Protein backbone atom coordinates (compact mmCIF):
# COMPACT_ATOMS: atom_id res chain seq x y z
CA MET A 1 -79.06 88.45 105.82
CA ALA A 2 -81.29 85.98 104.02
CA ARG A 3 -81.23 82.36 105.21
CA THR A 4 -79.75 79.80 102.84
CA PRO A 5 -82.45 78.02 100.82
CA ASP A 6 -82.45 74.22 100.76
CA VAL A 7 -82.52 72.04 97.67
CA ASP A 8 -86.22 72.53 96.97
CA GLY A 9 -85.98 76.30 97.29
CA SER A 10 -87.67 76.63 100.69
CA ARG A 11 -85.96 78.28 103.62
CA VAL A 12 -84.18 76.14 106.14
CA ARG A 13 -86.19 76.34 109.32
CA ARG A 14 -86.36 74.02 112.30
CA SER A 15 -89.94 73.55 113.43
CA GLY A 16 -90.96 74.46 116.95
CA LEU A 17 -90.86 71.71 119.54
CA THR A 18 -94.07 70.77 121.35
CA ARG A 19 -94.73 68.76 124.50
CA GLN A 20 -96.34 66.09 122.33
CA ASP A 21 -93.15 65.83 120.25
CA VAL A 22 -91.10 65.28 123.40
CA LEU A 23 -93.43 62.66 124.86
CA VAL A 24 -93.75 60.72 121.60
CA ALA A 25 -89.96 60.67 121.25
CA ALA A 26 -89.59 59.51 124.86
CA LEU A 27 -92.15 56.74 124.32
CA ARG A 28 -90.36 55.58 121.18
CA MET A 29 -87.07 55.48 123.07
CA ILE A 30 -88.58 53.38 125.86
CA ASP A 31 -90.30 51.08 123.35
CA ALA A 32 -86.96 50.50 121.62
CA ASP A 33 -84.50 50.28 124.51
CA GLY A 34 -86.37 50.24 127.81
CA VAL A 35 -86.96 52.75 130.60
CA GLU A 36 -83.31 52.72 131.68
CA ALA A 37 -82.24 54.08 128.30
CA LEU A 38 -84.29 57.26 128.65
CA SER A 39 -82.36 60.35 129.68
CA MET A 40 -82.77 64.05 128.95
CA ARG A 41 -79.39 64.05 127.24
CA ARG A 42 -80.24 61.18 124.92
CA LEU A 43 -83.72 62.56 124.27
CA GLY A 44 -82.18 65.91 123.35
CA ARG A 45 -79.93 64.21 120.81
CA ALA A 46 -82.89 62.36 119.30
CA LEU A 47 -84.81 65.63 118.95
CA ASP A 48 -81.75 67.64 117.87
CA ARG A 49 -82.22 70.01 120.79
CA ASP A 50 -80.21 71.17 123.77
CA PRO A 51 -81.28 68.80 126.60
CA MET A 52 -81.73 71.77 128.91
CA ARG A 53 -84.54 73.06 126.70
CA LEU A 54 -86.51 69.88 127.38
CA TYR A 55 -87.00 70.87 131.00
CA ARG A 56 -89.61 73.33 129.74
CA PHE A 57 -91.82 70.30 129.13
CA ALA A 58 -90.87 68.15 132.15
CA ALA A 59 -89.07 69.51 135.19
CA SER A 60 -87.40 66.16 135.92
CA ARG A 61 -86.97 62.67 134.52
CA ASP A 62 -89.65 61.43 136.95
CA GLU A 63 -92.09 64.00 135.65
CA LEU A 64 -91.24 62.90 132.11
CA LEU A 65 -91.96 59.26 133.01
CA ASP A 66 -95.31 60.24 134.51
CA ALA A 67 -96.13 62.11 131.32
CA VAL A 68 -95.27 59.06 129.20
CA VAL A 69 -97.67 56.99 131.32
CA GLU A 70 -100.30 59.67 130.78
CA LEU A 71 -99.68 59.55 127.02
CA VAL A 72 -100.18 55.78 126.87
CA LEU A 73 -103.26 55.83 129.11
CA SER A 74 -104.82 58.54 126.95
CA GLU A 75 -105.50 55.69 124.50
CA LEU A 76 -107.42 53.70 127.12
CA GLU A 77 -111.04 54.51 126.39
CA VAL A 78 -113.66 53.53 128.95
CA SER A 79 -116.94 53.40 127.06
CA SER A 80 -119.99 55.14 128.42
CA PRO A 81 -122.53 52.95 130.27
CA THR A 82 -125.00 53.45 127.42
CA ALA A 83 -122.66 51.43 125.17
CA GLY A 84 -123.53 48.27 127.12
CA ASP A 85 -123.92 47.01 130.65
CA TRP A 86 -121.11 47.60 133.13
CA GLU A 87 -119.63 44.13 132.71
CA ASP A 88 -119.39 44.53 128.94
CA VAL A 89 -117.74 47.92 129.36
CA LEU A 90 -115.16 46.53 131.79
CA ARG A 91 -114.42 43.62 129.46
CA ARG A 92 -113.82 45.96 126.54
CA THR A 93 -111.66 48.20 128.70
CA ALA A 94 -109.61 45.20 129.86
CA ARG A 95 -108.99 44.14 126.27
CA ARG A 96 -107.87 47.66 125.38
CA PHE A 97 -105.54 47.73 128.39
CA ARG A 98 -104.01 44.42 127.31
CA GLY A 99 -103.65 45.76 123.76
CA LEU A 100 -101.76 48.80 125.02
CA ALA A 101 -99.53 46.59 127.17
CA LEU A 102 -98.65 44.36 124.22
CA ALA A 103 -98.02 47.41 122.00
CA HIS A 104 -95.73 48.98 124.62
CA PRO A 105 -94.37 46.09 126.73
CA LYS A 106 -91.39 48.08 128.02
CA VAL A 107 -93.76 50.75 129.34
CA VAL A 108 -95.77 48.25 131.41
CA PRO A 109 -93.46 48.51 134.46
CA LEU A 110 -94.15 52.27 134.43
CA LEU A 111 -97.91 51.71 134.27
CA VAL A 112 -97.64 49.56 137.39
CA THR A 113 -94.97 51.38 139.41
CA ARG A 114 -95.28 55.11 138.65
CA PRO A 115 -98.55 55.45 140.63
CA LEU A 116 -96.63 54.16 143.65
CA ALA A 117 -94.18 57.05 143.37
CA THR A 118 -96.76 59.84 143.33
CA PRO A 119 -99.66 60.66 145.68
CA LEU A 120 -103.03 60.24 144.00
CA ALA A 121 -103.88 63.95 143.89
CA LEU A 122 -100.50 64.86 142.34
CA ARG A 123 -100.62 62.42 139.44
CA PRO A 124 -101.14 63.73 135.88
CA LEU A 125 -104.83 64.22 135.21
CA GLY A 126 -104.75 61.85 132.26
CA THR A 127 -103.77 58.97 134.54
CA LEU A 128 -106.80 59.66 136.76
CA ARG A 129 -109.37 59.71 133.96
CA PRO A 130 -109.70 55.91 133.62
CA LEU A 131 -110.22 55.72 137.39
CA GLU A 132 -112.90 58.42 137.30
CA ALA A 133 -114.61 56.78 134.32
CA VAL A 134 -114.74 53.33 135.93
CA LEU A 135 -116.01 54.78 139.23
CA ASP A 136 -118.72 56.65 137.34
CA LEU A 137 -119.63 53.48 135.45
CA LEU A 138 -119.94 51.39 138.61
CA VAL A 139 -121.83 53.98 140.65
CA GLY A 140 -124.23 54.37 137.72
CA ALA A 141 -124.70 50.59 137.78
CA GLY A 142 -125.79 50.67 141.44
CA PHE A 143 -122.54 50.26 143.40
CA THR A 144 -122.03 52.58 146.34
CA ALA A 145 -119.08 54.95 145.88
CA ARG A 146 -117.08 52.96 148.44
CA ASP A 147 -117.84 49.63 146.80
CA ALA A 148 -117.03 51.10 143.38
CA LEU A 149 -113.58 52.11 144.63
CA HIS A 150 -112.93 48.62 146.04
CA ALA A 151 -114.17 47.08 142.79
CA TYR A 152 -111.82 49.29 140.78
CA ARG A 153 -108.86 48.27 142.91
CA LEU A 154 -109.66 44.60 142.40
CA TYR A 155 -110.20 45.09 138.68
CA ILE A 156 -107.07 47.14 137.95
CA GLY A 157 -104.96 44.91 140.19
CA PHE A 158 -106.07 41.90 138.17
CA LEU A 159 -105.32 43.66 134.85
CA GLN A 160 -101.86 44.75 135.94
CA GLY A 161 -101.04 41.30 137.26
CA HIS A 162 -102.32 39.68 134.09
CA VAL A 163 -100.22 41.75 131.69
CA LEU A 164 -97.12 41.31 133.85
CA ASN A 165 -97.65 37.55 133.82
CA GLU A 166 -98.33 37.48 130.09
CA LEU A 167 -95.18 39.43 129.29
CA GLN A 168 -93.17 36.93 131.32
CA GLU A 169 -94.32 34.09 129.06
CA ARG A 170 -91.72 34.80 126.41
CA VAL A 171 -90.03 32.15 124.36
CA LEU A 172 -86.27 31.88 124.09
CA ASP A 173 -86.18 30.24 120.65
CA PRO A 174 -89.42 30.55 118.62
CA ASP A 175 -88.14 28.12 115.98
CA GLU A 176 -87.46 25.32 118.46
CA THR A 177 -90.13 22.59 118.48
CA ASP A 178 -89.31 21.05 121.85
CA ASP A 179 -91.22 23.05 124.49
CA LEU A 180 -88.48 22.74 127.12
CA LEU A 181 -85.85 24.10 124.73
CA ARG A 182 -88.21 26.65 123.20
CA LEU A 183 -88.79 28.29 126.57
CA GLY A 184 -85.19 27.91 127.71
CA LEU A 185 -86.26 25.76 130.66
CA HIS A 186 -83.34 23.42 130.08
CA HIS A 187 -81.10 26.04 131.70
CA PRO A 188 -82.37 25.88 135.33
CA PRO A 189 -81.03 22.84 137.27
CA ALA A 190 -83.48 19.95 136.84
CA ARG A 191 -83.21 18.87 140.48
CA GLU A 192 -84.11 22.34 141.79
CA PHE A 193 -86.98 23.10 139.39
CA PRO A 194 -88.74 19.83 138.56
CA ARG A 195 -92.27 21.29 138.77
CA LEU A 196 -91.46 24.23 136.53
CA ARG A 197 -89.77 22.03 133.92
CA SER A 198 -92.72 19.63 133.97
CA LEU A 199 -95.02 22.51 132.98
CA ALA A 200 -93.11 23.32 129.79
CA THR A 201 -95.93 22.19 127.50
CA GLU A 202 -98.54 24.14 129.47
CA LEU A 203 -96.35 27.26 129.48
CA ALA A 204 -95.65 26.97 125.78
CA ALA A 205 -99.39 26.81 125.06
CA TYR A 206 -100.12 29.99 127.07
CA ASP A 207 -102.92 32.04 125.50
CA GLY A 208 -102.96 35.54 126.96
CA ALA A 209 -106.30 36.52 125.46
CA GLN A 210 -108.01 33.37 126.79
CA GLU A 211 -106.40 33.80 130.21
CA LEU A 212 -107.71 37.36 130.33
CA GLU A 213 -111.27 36.28 129.57
CA GLU A 214 -111.18 33.49 132.15
CA GLY A 215 -109.82 35.86 134.77
CA LEU A 216 -112.48 38.44 133.96
CA ASP A 217 -115.14 35.75 134.41
CA VAL A 218 -113.90 35.28 137.97
CA VAL A 219 -113.43 38.97 138.81
CA LEU A 220 -116.68 40.25 137.27
CA GLY A 221 -118.61 37.26 138.58
CA GLY A 222 -117.48 38.16 142.08
CA LEU A 223 -118.42 41.80 141.62
CA ARG A 224 -121.79 40.84 140.23
């Protein structure tokens, strides 16, 4: 029996689902509502599929979260050493990492915590590529393999800490002109948090891009 044509005369047909479709939908869901909102059942509804069919693409929710991290990190390009000296490459990479964090702020906790849940050798290959690229960059610049690994740990630890700090510097009321009220720092008891309240103007003037550059000066200067 022929399938019913739709309004433009073509046959009604639901396109095949790919792993990329599933991961993009999962990322969108996290971007919109946070990690806690992601479930196979809800993802199935968003994709108009039986949730059980999604297990073809990720055997568990944890595996799905790892795959989302891999999807985001696939956008983190580490330039080849020929594109500049190693410090320039690490600066550009840091700026890209910050850009990804600001584009997907609700994914940042996954970028920081998912590696803790999975042994290094069992992580998705895409999450290991930035590590391999930075190690290759540093060894090519003259670091020993051991020193390159320690340098990477220092570098990525700084980047993760920076984006977590920057995402904390959120305003409560962007239209408020008084810094204390703008940041919501009038809520904590004044007697218990006098130092924090006194820093309202400094906190309100926080510049994430500038803080990143100043931090990189310290980290890369030490590595140099």
